[in-house]
């Protein structure tokens, strides 16, 4: 891959993604797949003014060994060192950067029940730390190609060719052109215009219909707002982009207001395994039935992780003719596939999707309808014939999507 383009990508992640400020600390989480690029990113972080950069490496085959050989008891434990590390995040609010390169099938064969139970046992201990930093720090998820991931996407190519091709697709989708920083400024402005239109409409519900069987209505929070692109930290008011790439305009729906059936249009990579050809039914806002061709048991575990896991935390609108979908590539990676077309997310909602959200405590935001859960899992439902209609409280109906794309 062209080194100049990689440096531009690193600059984009640092200046537009986490937007590190002078004197801030940064934690970078990454796999072993692209150490040279990680080195480039670390250097760019220091050039941008980071006072300290900590790199946390992971390797999925070893993670799989941990899951297979460790007991539920040891997997469930949150050590004193982990608690101290979480407390440090609360105290200094470092920027968090994830460089994702995971193998979509990397944890196939592990025990879903044990992993889910361990996460359930750990979550009550970690939750207080997560609540303490919510909305207060910059974070970003971006991607680099791992060999196994690249071969999953391009199985007919050699290892080297597949990695190179995946690099090209990642950089194209991330708008890494002659001036990616300027390209993202214009992109954020366009997403903001769509948010303004939707927020001015102040819809009460959204109605989804598609020929594949999706027939679904979701209720919105009266005080809720749509967001897209970049956002601001609470308190320090620093603008950052949490996802590179992103094409979505999204909000958090009201807990308890969802009815009907949704059918997935893209496989979901969850806990290192693929859930394919799946769907779910909602009643009174809650998932009452799930079905899947593969890994249905994993899907069932996911929606039962806690009380909020069966409720929605996000609705996101993306045109079917999005740049990512137009690549014709199934990435087997949520960061990309969720930005190919419309998606929903089960689990935790976003408290900053409330107007003047800084006025509300987390408990108050949940009373307004923001769902609370240990999970937040996006899954894709957009199709080429999807229609979405927004309905106001007075019954006024405005078509938002037709034939899978924006009409506003």
Protein backbone atom coordinates (compact mmCIF):
# COMPACT_ATOMS: atom_id res chain seq x y z
CA UNK A 1 0.00 0.00 0.00
CA UNK A 2 1.18 3.50 -0.89
CA UNK A 3 2.91 4.96 2.19
CA UNK A 4 1.75 8.51 1.48
CA UNK A 5 -1.88 7.38 1.55
CA UNK A 6 -1.34 5.51 4.82
CA UNK A 7 0.11 8.65 6.41
CA UNK A 8 -2.95 10.60 5.27
CA UNK A 9 -5.19 7.94 6.82
CA UNK A 10 -3.27 8.13 10.09
CA UNK A 11 -3.55 11.92 10.07
CA UNK A 12 -7.30 11.62 9.46
CA UNK A 13 -7.74 9.23 12.40
CA UNK A 14 -5.71 11.48 14.71
CA UNK A 15 -7.03 14.92 13.70
CA UNK A 16 -10.61 14.12 12.66
CA UNK A 17 -11.27 10.83 14.48
CA UNK A 18 -10.10 11.23 18.08
CA UNK A 19 -8.99 14.85 17.47
CA UNK A 20 -6.33 14.56 20.17
CA UNK A 21 -5.61 17.83 21.98
CA UNK A 22 -2.27 19.06 23.24
CA UNK A 23 -1.34 17.30 26.48
CA UNK A 24 -3.96 14.54 26.27
CA UNK A 25 -3.16 10.88 26.83
CA UNK A 26 -4.29 8.25 24.31
CA UNK A 27 -4.96 4.51 24.56
CA UNK A 28 -4.70 2.60 21.27
CA UNK A 29 -6.23 -0.89 21.11
CA UNK A 30 -5.20 -3.02 18.14
CA UNK A 31 -4.32 -6.46 16.86
CA UNK A 32 -0.93 -7.69 15.65
CA UNK A 33 -1.90 -7.47 11.97
CA UNK A 34 -0.51 -4.04 10.99
CA UNK A 35 2.26 -3.04 13.42
CA UNK A 36 3.85 -0.66 10.92
CA UNK A 37 0.63 1.29 10.55
CA UNK A 38 0.16 1.36 14.33
CA UNK A 39 3.64 2.88 14.54
CA UNK A 40 2.62 5.56 12.04
CA UNK A 41 -0.51 6.36 14.07
CA UNK A 42 1.42 6.59 17.33
CA UNK A 43 3.88 9.00 15.74
CA UNK A 44 1.01 11.14 14.38
CA UNK A 45 -0.57 11.20 17.84
CA UNK A 46 2.63 12.52 19.38
CA UNK A 47 3.04 15.09 16.60
CA UNK A 48 -0.51 16.29 17.31
CA UNK A 49 0.41 16.92 20.94
CA UNK A 50 -0.39 13.72 22.82
CA UNK A 51 1.53 13.60 26.09
CA UNK A 52 1.46 9.79 26.36
CA UNK A 53 0.31 7.00 24.04
CA UNK A 54 -0.33 3.53 25.44
CA UNK A 55 -0.73 0.67 22.95
CA UNK A 56 -2.74 -2.37 24.05
CA UNK A 57 -2.09 -5.30 21.68
CA UNK A 58 -4.38 -8.29 21.24
CA UNK A 59 -4.26 -11.51 19.21
CA UNK A 60 -7.51 -13.32 18.50
CA UNK A 61 -6.07 -16.90 18.48
CA UNK A 62 -4.83 -16.31 22.05
CA UNK A 63 -8.17 -14.78 23.03
CA UNK A 64 -9.79 -17.97 21.75
CA UNK A 65 -7.44 -20.07 23.91
CA UNK A 66 -8.41 -18.01 26.95
CA UNK A 67 -12.10 -18.63 26.26
CA UNK A 68 -11.54 -22.34 25.72
CA UNK A 69 -9.29 -23.07 28.71
CA UNK A 70 -10.13 -20.56 31.42
CA UNK A 71 -12.92 -21.36 33.85
CA UNK A 72 -16.06 -19.28 34.09
CA UNK A 73 -14.87 -18.11 37.50
CA UNK A 74 -11.55 -16.72 36.24
CA UNK A 75 -13.18 -15.19 33.15
CA UNK A 76 -15.74 -13.45 35.35
CA UNK A 77 -13.23 -11.83 37.70
CA UNK A 78 -12.39 -8.13 37.46
CA UNK A 79 -8.95 -7.84 39.02
CA UNK A 80 -7.79 -4.96 41.18
CA UNK A 81 -5.41 -3.96 38.39
CA UNK A 82 -8.33 -3.73 35.94
CA UNK A 83 -10.30 -1.62 38.40
CA UNK A 84 -7.30 0.68 38.82
CA UNK A 85 -6.99 0.99 35.03
CA UNK A 86 -10.67 1.88 34.75
CA UNK A 87 -10.32 4.43 37.55
CA UNK A 88 -7.38 5.98 35.72
CA UNK A 89 -9.64 6.45 32.67
CA UNK A 90 -12.18 8.17 34.91
CA UNK A 91 -9.49 10.43 36.37
CA UNK A 92 -7.67 11.50 33.19
CA UNK A 93 -10.23 10.84 30.40
CA UNK A 94 -7.75 9.62 27.75
CA UNK A 95 -8.72 9.45 24.09
CA UNK A 96 -9.55 5.85 23.11
CA UNK A 97 -8.71 4.58 19.64
CA UNK A 98 -9.61 1.12 18.32
CA UNK A 99 -7.91 -0.13 15.15
CA UNK A 100 -10.05 -3.12 14.21
CA UNK A 101 -8.65 -6.00 12.14
CA UNK A 102 -10.50 -8.97 13.68
CA UNK A 103 -11.14 -12.22 11.86
CA UNK A 104 -14.97 -12.48 11.48
CA UNK A 105 -14.76 -16.22 12.23
CA UNK A 106 -11.93 -15.98 14.74
CA UNK A 107 -13.86 -17.27 17.76
CA UNK A 108 -15.85 -19.99 16.02
CA UNK A 109 -16.02 -23.07 18.23
CA UNK A 110 -15.93 -21.23 21.57
CA UNK A 111 -18.59 -21.68 24.24
CA UNK A 112 -21.25 -19.00 23.73
CA UNK A 113 -22.84 -19.71 27.11
CA UNK A 114 -19.58 -19.30 29.05
CA UNK A 115 -18.58 -16.09 27.27
CA UNK A 116 -22.01 -14.53 27.75
CA UNK A 117 -22.16 -15.50 31.41
CA UNK A 118 -18.67 -14.15 32.08
CA UNK A 119 -19.58 -10.82 30.47
CA UNK A 120 -22.77 -10.68 32.54
CA UNK A 121 -20.79 -11.29 35.72
CA UNK A 122 -18.19 -8.62 34.92
CA UNK A 123 -20.55 -5.90 33.75
CA UNK A 124 -22.00 -4.78 37.14
CA UNK A 125 -18.48 -4.07 38.36
CA UNK A 126 -17.37 -2.19 35.25
CA UNK A 127 -20.62 -0.28 34.73
CA UNK A 128 -19.95 2.45 37.28
CA UNK A 129 -16.67 3.35 35.57
CA UNK A 130 -18.31 3.43 32.13
CA UNK A 131 -21.11 5.62 33.44
CA UNK A 132 -18.57 8.03 34.93
CA UNK A 133 -16.85 8.69 31.58
CA UNK A 134 -19.85 8.51 29.24
CA UNK A 135 -19.87 11.37 26.69
CA UNK A 136 -16.82 12.98 28.35
CA UNK A 137 -13.97 11.64 26.22
CA UNK A 138 -13.01 11.38 22.54
CA UNK A 139 -13.04 7.95 20.97
CA UNK A 140 -12.79 6.53 17.49
CA UNK A 141 -13.07 3.16 15.77
CA UNK A 142 -11.19 2.75 12.49
CA UNK A 143 -9.94 -0.33 10.66
CA UNK A 144 -6.83 -1.94 9.24
CA UNK A 145 -6.81 -5.21 7.26
CA UNK A 146 -5.86 -8.45 8.95
CA UNK A 147 -4.95 -11.41 6.77
CA UNK A 148 -7.83 -13.62 7.94
CA UNK A 149 -10.34 -10.81 7.59
CA UNK A 150 -9.03 -9.94 4.10
CA UNK A 151 -9.27 -13.57 2.98
CA UNK A 152 -12.86 -13.75 4.25
CA UNK A 153 -13.74 -10.75 2.10
CA UNK A 154 -11.66 -11.76 -0.94
CA UNK A 155 -11.29 -15.58 -0.80
CA UNK A 156 -10.16 -15.89 -4.43
CA UNK A 157 -7.09 -13.72 -3.93
CA UNK A 158 -3.74 -14.61 -2.42
CA UNK A 159 -3.04 -13.46 1.13
CA UNK A 160 -0.98 -10.49 -0.04
CA UNK A 161 -3.45 -9.50 -2.76
CA UNK A 162 -6.41 -9.77 -0.39
CA UNK A 163 -4.77 -7.51 2.22
CA UNK A 164 -3.87 -4.96 -0.46
CA UNK A 165 -7.41 -4.99 -1.87
CA UNK A 166 -8.94 -4.59 1.59
CA UNK A 167 -6.61 -1.66 2.28
CA UNK A 168 -7.92 0.01 -0.89
CA UNK A 169 -11.56 -0.54 0.10
CA UNK A 170 -10.97 0.75 3.65
CA UNK A 171 -9.19 3.89 2.44
CA UNK A 172 -11.76 4.59 -0.28
CA UNK A 173 -14.66 4.19 2.16
CA UNK A 174 -12.84 6.47 4.63
CA UNK A 175 -12.49 9.27 2.04
CA UNK A 176 -8.69 9.14 2.08
CA UNK A 177 -8.09 11.24 -1.03
CA UNK A 178 -5.85 14.22 -1.72
CA UNK A 179 -7.19 16.08 1.33
CA UNK A 180 -9.15 13.71 3.60
CA UNK A 181 -9.45 16.27 6.42
CA UNK A 182 -11.27 18.70 4.09
CA UNK A 183 -13.35 15.86 2.62
CA UNK A 184 -14.55 14.95 6.11
CA UNK A 185 -15.40 18.57 6.89
CA UNK A 186 -17.73 18.63 3.88
CA UNK A 187 -19.11 15.18 4.71
CA UNK A 188 -19.94 16.22 8.28
CA UNK A 189 -21.71 19.32 6.95
CA UNK A 190 -23.90 17.19 4.68
CA UNK A 191 -24.84 14.83 7.50
CA UNK A 192 -25.68 17.84 9.70
CA UNK A 193 -28.13 19.13 7.07
CA UNK A 194 -30.01 15.82 7.11
CA UNK A 195 -30.09 15.85 10.90
CA UNK A 196 -31.54 19.37 10.87
CA UNK A 197 -34.35 18.33 8.51
CA UNK A 198 -35.31 15.34 10.66
CA UNK A 199 -35.07 17.31 13.90
CA UNK A 200 -37.24 20.11 12.48
CA UNK A 201 -39.89 17.51 11.58
CA UNK A 202 -39.95 16.20 15.18
CA UNK A 203 -41.37 12.82 14.17
CA UNK A 204 -43.27 10.68 16.66
CA UNK A 205 -42.73 7.36 14.84
CA UNK A 206 -40.87 5.87 11.88
CA UNK A 207 -42.52 3.16 9.75
CA UNK A 208 -40.34 0.68 7.82
CA UNK A 209 -41.50 -1.62 5.01
CA UNK A 210 -39.55 -3.88 2.68
CA UNK A 211 -40.48 -6.81 0.41
CA UNK A 212 -38.21 -9.17 2.38
CA UNK A 213 -40.68 -9.15 5.29
CA UNK A 214 -39.63 -6.10 7.29
CA UNK A 215 -42.80 -4.41 8.55
CA UNK A 216 -41.90 -2.37 11.57
CA UNK A 217 -42.83 0.76 13.51
CA UNK A 218 -40.59 2.43 16.08
CA UNK A 219 -41.44 5.28 18.43
CA UNK A 220 -39.13 8.22 19.02
CA UNK A 221 -38.43 10.25 22.16
CA UNK A 222 -40.12 13.66 22.19
CA UNK A 223 -36.94 15.29 23.50
CA UNK A 224 -34.77 13.21 21.15
CA UNK A 225 -32.59 14.45 18.30
CA UNK A 226 -30.93 12.88 15.28
CA UNK A 227 -27.14 13.02 15.10
CA UNK A 228 -24.57 12.18 12.43
CA UNK A 229 -20.86 12.49 11.73
CA UNK A 230 -18.97 14.22 14.50
CA UNK A 231 -20.07 15.07 18.03
CA UNK A 232 -18.87 17.09 21.03
CA UNK A 233 -17.55 15.87 24.37
CA UNK A 234 -19.46 16.82 27.48
CA UNK A 235 -17.66 19.51 29.49
CA UNK A 236 -14.58 20.05 27.31
CA UNK A 237 -16.69 20.54 24.13
CA UNK A 238 -14.13 18.89 21.81
CA UNK A 239 -15.43 17.85 18.36
CA UNK A 240 -14.49 14.34 17.20
CA UNK A 241 -15.69 11.60 14.83
CA UNK A 242 -16.30 8.30 16.65
CA UNK A 243 -16.52 6.19 13.47
CA UNK A 244 -14.30 6.27 10.39
CA UNK A 245 -16.03 5.66 8.03
CA UNK A 246 -19.60 6.76 8.73
CA UNK A 247 -22.61 7.45 6.53
CA UNK A 248 -25.37 7.31 9.14
CA UNK A 249 -27.85 9.72 10.63
CA UNK A 250 -29.08 8.16 13.86
CA UNK A 251 -31.07 8.59 17.04
CA UNK A 252 -32.06 6.58 20.08
CA UNK A 253 -35.72 5.45 20.00
CA UNK A 254 -38.01 5.37 23.01
CA UNK A 255 -37.75 2.20 25.06
CA UNK A 256 -40.96 0.21 24.86
CA UNK A 257 -42.14 1.62 21.51
CA UNK A 258 -41.37 -0.87 18.75
CA UNK A 259 -43.77 -3.21 16.95
CA UNK A 260 -43.46 -5.66 14.08
CA UNK A 261 -40.86 -7.71 12.26
CA UNK A 262 -37.40 -6.82 10.97
CA UNK A 263 -35.31 -8.98 8.63
CA UNK A 264 -31.54 -8.65 8.40
CA UNK A 265 -29.97 -7.99 5.02
CA UNK A 266 -26.29 -8.51 5.95
CA UNK A 267 -24.69 -11.16 8.22
CA UNK A 268 -23.79 -10.01 11.73
CA UNK A 269 -20.30 -10.66 13.12
CA UNK A 270 -20.76 -11.04 16.88
CA UNK A 271 -18.22 -12.37 19.38
CA UNK A 272 -16.05 -13.63 16.53
CA UNK A 273 -18.87 -15.62 14.88
CA UNK A 274 -21.28 -14.96 12.02
CA UNK A 275 -25.05 -14.87 12.51
CA UNK A 276 -26.64 -15.21 9.06
CA UNK A 277 -30.12 -14.85 7.55
CA UNK A 278 -31.79 -13.73 10.76
CA UNK A 279 -34.68 -11.62 11.94
CA UNK A 280 -36.69 -10.76 15.01
CA UNK A 281 -40.15 -9.78 16.14
CA UNK A 282 -40.98 -6.90 18.52
CA UNK A 283 -43.94 -6.31 20.78
CA UNK A 284 -44.24 -3.39 23.21
CA UNK A 285 -40.71 -2.45 22.29
CA UNK A 286 -39.17 -5.80 23.20
CA UNK A 287 -37.82 -8.66 21.09
CA UNK A 288 -40.23 -11.56 21.56
CA UNK A 289 -38.83 -13.96 18.94
CA UNK A 290 -35.58 -14.41 17.01
CA UNK A 291 -34.70 -16.72 14.14
CA UNK A 292 -31.48 -17.33 12.20
CA UNK A 293 -30.04 -19.79 9.71
CA UNK A 294 -26.70 -19.92 11.54
CA UNK A 295 -25.82 -19.35 15.20
CA UNK A 296 -29.39 -18.77 16.36
CA UNK A 297 -28.29 -19.81 19.85
CA UNK A 298 -25.79 -16.94 19.87
CA UNK A 299 -28.52 -14.51 18.80
CA UNK A 300 -30.74 -15.80 21.60
CA UNK A 301 -27.92 -15.31 24.11
CA UNK A 302 -27.34 -11.79 22.83
CA UNK A 303 -30.93 -10.63 23.39
CA UNK A 304 -30.96 -12.13 26.89
CA UNK A 305 -27.69 -10.66 28.17
CA UNK A 306 -29.66 -8.36 30.47
CA UNK A 307 -33.09 -6.75 30.71
CA UNK A 308 -32.23 -4.03 28.20
CA UNK A 309 -30.62 -6.29 25.60
CA UNK A 310 -33.98 -7.10 24.00
CA UNK A 311 -34.85 -3.42 23.50
CA UNK A 312 -33.57 -1.00 20.88
CA UNK A 313 -30.81 1.52 21.52
CA UNK A 314 -30.46 3.01 18.03
CA UNK A 315 -32.15 3.55 14.68
CA UNK A 316 -29.84 4.67 11.87
CA UNK A 317 -30.71 5.91 8.38
CA UNK A 318 -28.29 5.31 5.48
CA UNK A 319 -29.15 5.38 1.79
CA UNK A 320 -28.84 2.10 -0.12
CA UNK A 321 -26.65 3.92 -2.65
CA UNK A 322 -24.10 4.74 0.04
CA UNK A 323 -20.42 4.70 -1.01
CA UNK A 324 -19.84 1.57 1.08
CA UNK A 325 -22.76 -0.36 -0.37
CA UNK A 326 -21.74 0.71 -3.87
CA UNK A 327 -18.40 -1.07 -3.47
CA UNK A 328 -20.37 -4.31 -3.84
CA UNK A 329 -18.27 -5.76 -1.02
CA UNK A 330 -19.60 -7.52 2.07
CA UNK A 331 -17.02 -6.57 4.70
CA UNK A 332 -18.13 -8.97 7.47
CA UNK A 333 -17.33 -6.08 9.80
CA UNK A 334 -19.97 -3.99 11.54
CA UNK A 335 -18.05 -0.71 11.22
CA UNK A 336 -18.38 -0.93 7.43
CA UNK A 337 -21.49 -3.04 6.90
CA UNK A 338 -23.60 -0.89 9.26
CA UNK A 339 -22.78 2.09 7.03
CA UNK A 340 -23.85 0.30 3.86
CA UNK A 341 -27.58 0.75 4.53
CA UNK A 342 -30.13 1.33 7.29
CA UNK A 343 -29.57 -0.46 10.56
CA UNK A 344 -30.90 -0.88 14.08
CA UNK A 345 -29.05 -1.64 17.30
CA UNK A 346 -30.14 -3.66 20.27
CA UNK A 347 -29.10 -2.64 23.75
CA UNK A 348 -27.65 0.56 25.17
CA UNK A 349 -28.97 3.86 23.86
CA UNK A 350 -27.15 7.17 23.56
CA UNK A 351 -27.99 9.75 26.19
CA UNK A 352 -26.51 12.50 24.00
CA UNK A 353 -29.36 11.88 21.54
CA UNK A 354 -31.44 14.10 23.81
CA UNK A 355 -31.79 17.84 23.25
CA UNK A 356 -29.69 19.63 25.90
CA UNK A 357 -28.60 16.22 27.20
CA UNK A 358 -26.08 17.78 29.58
CA UNK A 359 -29.03 18.84 31.76
CA UNK A 360 -29.98 15.23 32.48
CA UNK A 361 -28.38 12.64 34.70
CA UNK A 362 -28.09 9.11 33.28
CA UNK A 363 -31.04 8.09 35.43
CA UNK A 364 -33.15 10.99 34.14
CA UNK A 365 -32.25 10.21 30.52
CA UNK A 366 -33.36 6.62 31.02
CA UNK A 367 -36.70 7.82 32.42
CA UNK A 368 -37.20 9.76 29.18
CA UNK A 369 -36.78 6.52 27.23
CA UNK A 370 -33.04 5.93 26.69
CA UNK A 371 -32.46 2.17 26.98
CA UNK A 372 -29.78 0.86 29.31
CA UNK A 373 -27.87 -2.36 28.65
CA UNK A 374 -24.42 -3.91 28.75
CA UNK A 375 -24.55 -4.49 24.97
CA UNK A 376 -24.92 -2.30 21.90
CA UNK A 377 -25.07 -4.45 18.76
CA UNK A 378 -25.84 -3.02 15.31
CA UNK A 379 -27.52 -5.12 12.64
CA UNK A 380 -28.42 -4.17 9.09
CA UNK A 381 -31.96 -4.09 7.67
CA UNK A 382 -31.65 -1.73 4.68
CA UNK A 383 -32.72 -3.02 1.25
CA UNK A 384 -33.06 -1.63 -2.27
CA UNK A 385 -36.84 -1.36 -1.96
CA UNK A 386 -37.13 -0.19 1.63
CA UNK A 387 -39.59 2.60 2.34
CA UNK A 388 -39.51 4.69 5.51
CA UNK A 389 -42.24 7.14 6.49
CA UNK A 390 -41.99 9.60 9.36
CA UNK A 391 -45.23 10.29 11.23
CA UNK A 392 -45.76 13.40 13.34
CA UNK A 393 -47.93 13.54 16.45
CA UNK A 394 -50.73 15.20 14.46
CA UNK A 395 -50.71 12.32 11.97
CA UNK A 396 -48.82 14.14 9.21
CA UNK A 397 -46.87 11.61 7.14
CA UNK A 398 -43.62 12.47 5.34
CA UNK A 399 -41.78 9.97 3.18
CA UNK A 400 -38.11 9.84 4.13
CA UNK A 401 -36.90 6.83 2.10
CA UNK A 402 -38.16 5.34 -1.16
CA UNK A 403 -36.53 2.48 -3.06
CA UNK A 404 -33.93 2.26 -0.31
CA UNK A 405 -32.73 5.86 -0.59
CA UNK A 406 -33.31 9.32 0.83
CA UNK A 407 -36.07 11.38 -0.75
CA UNK A 408 -35.59 14.49 1.39
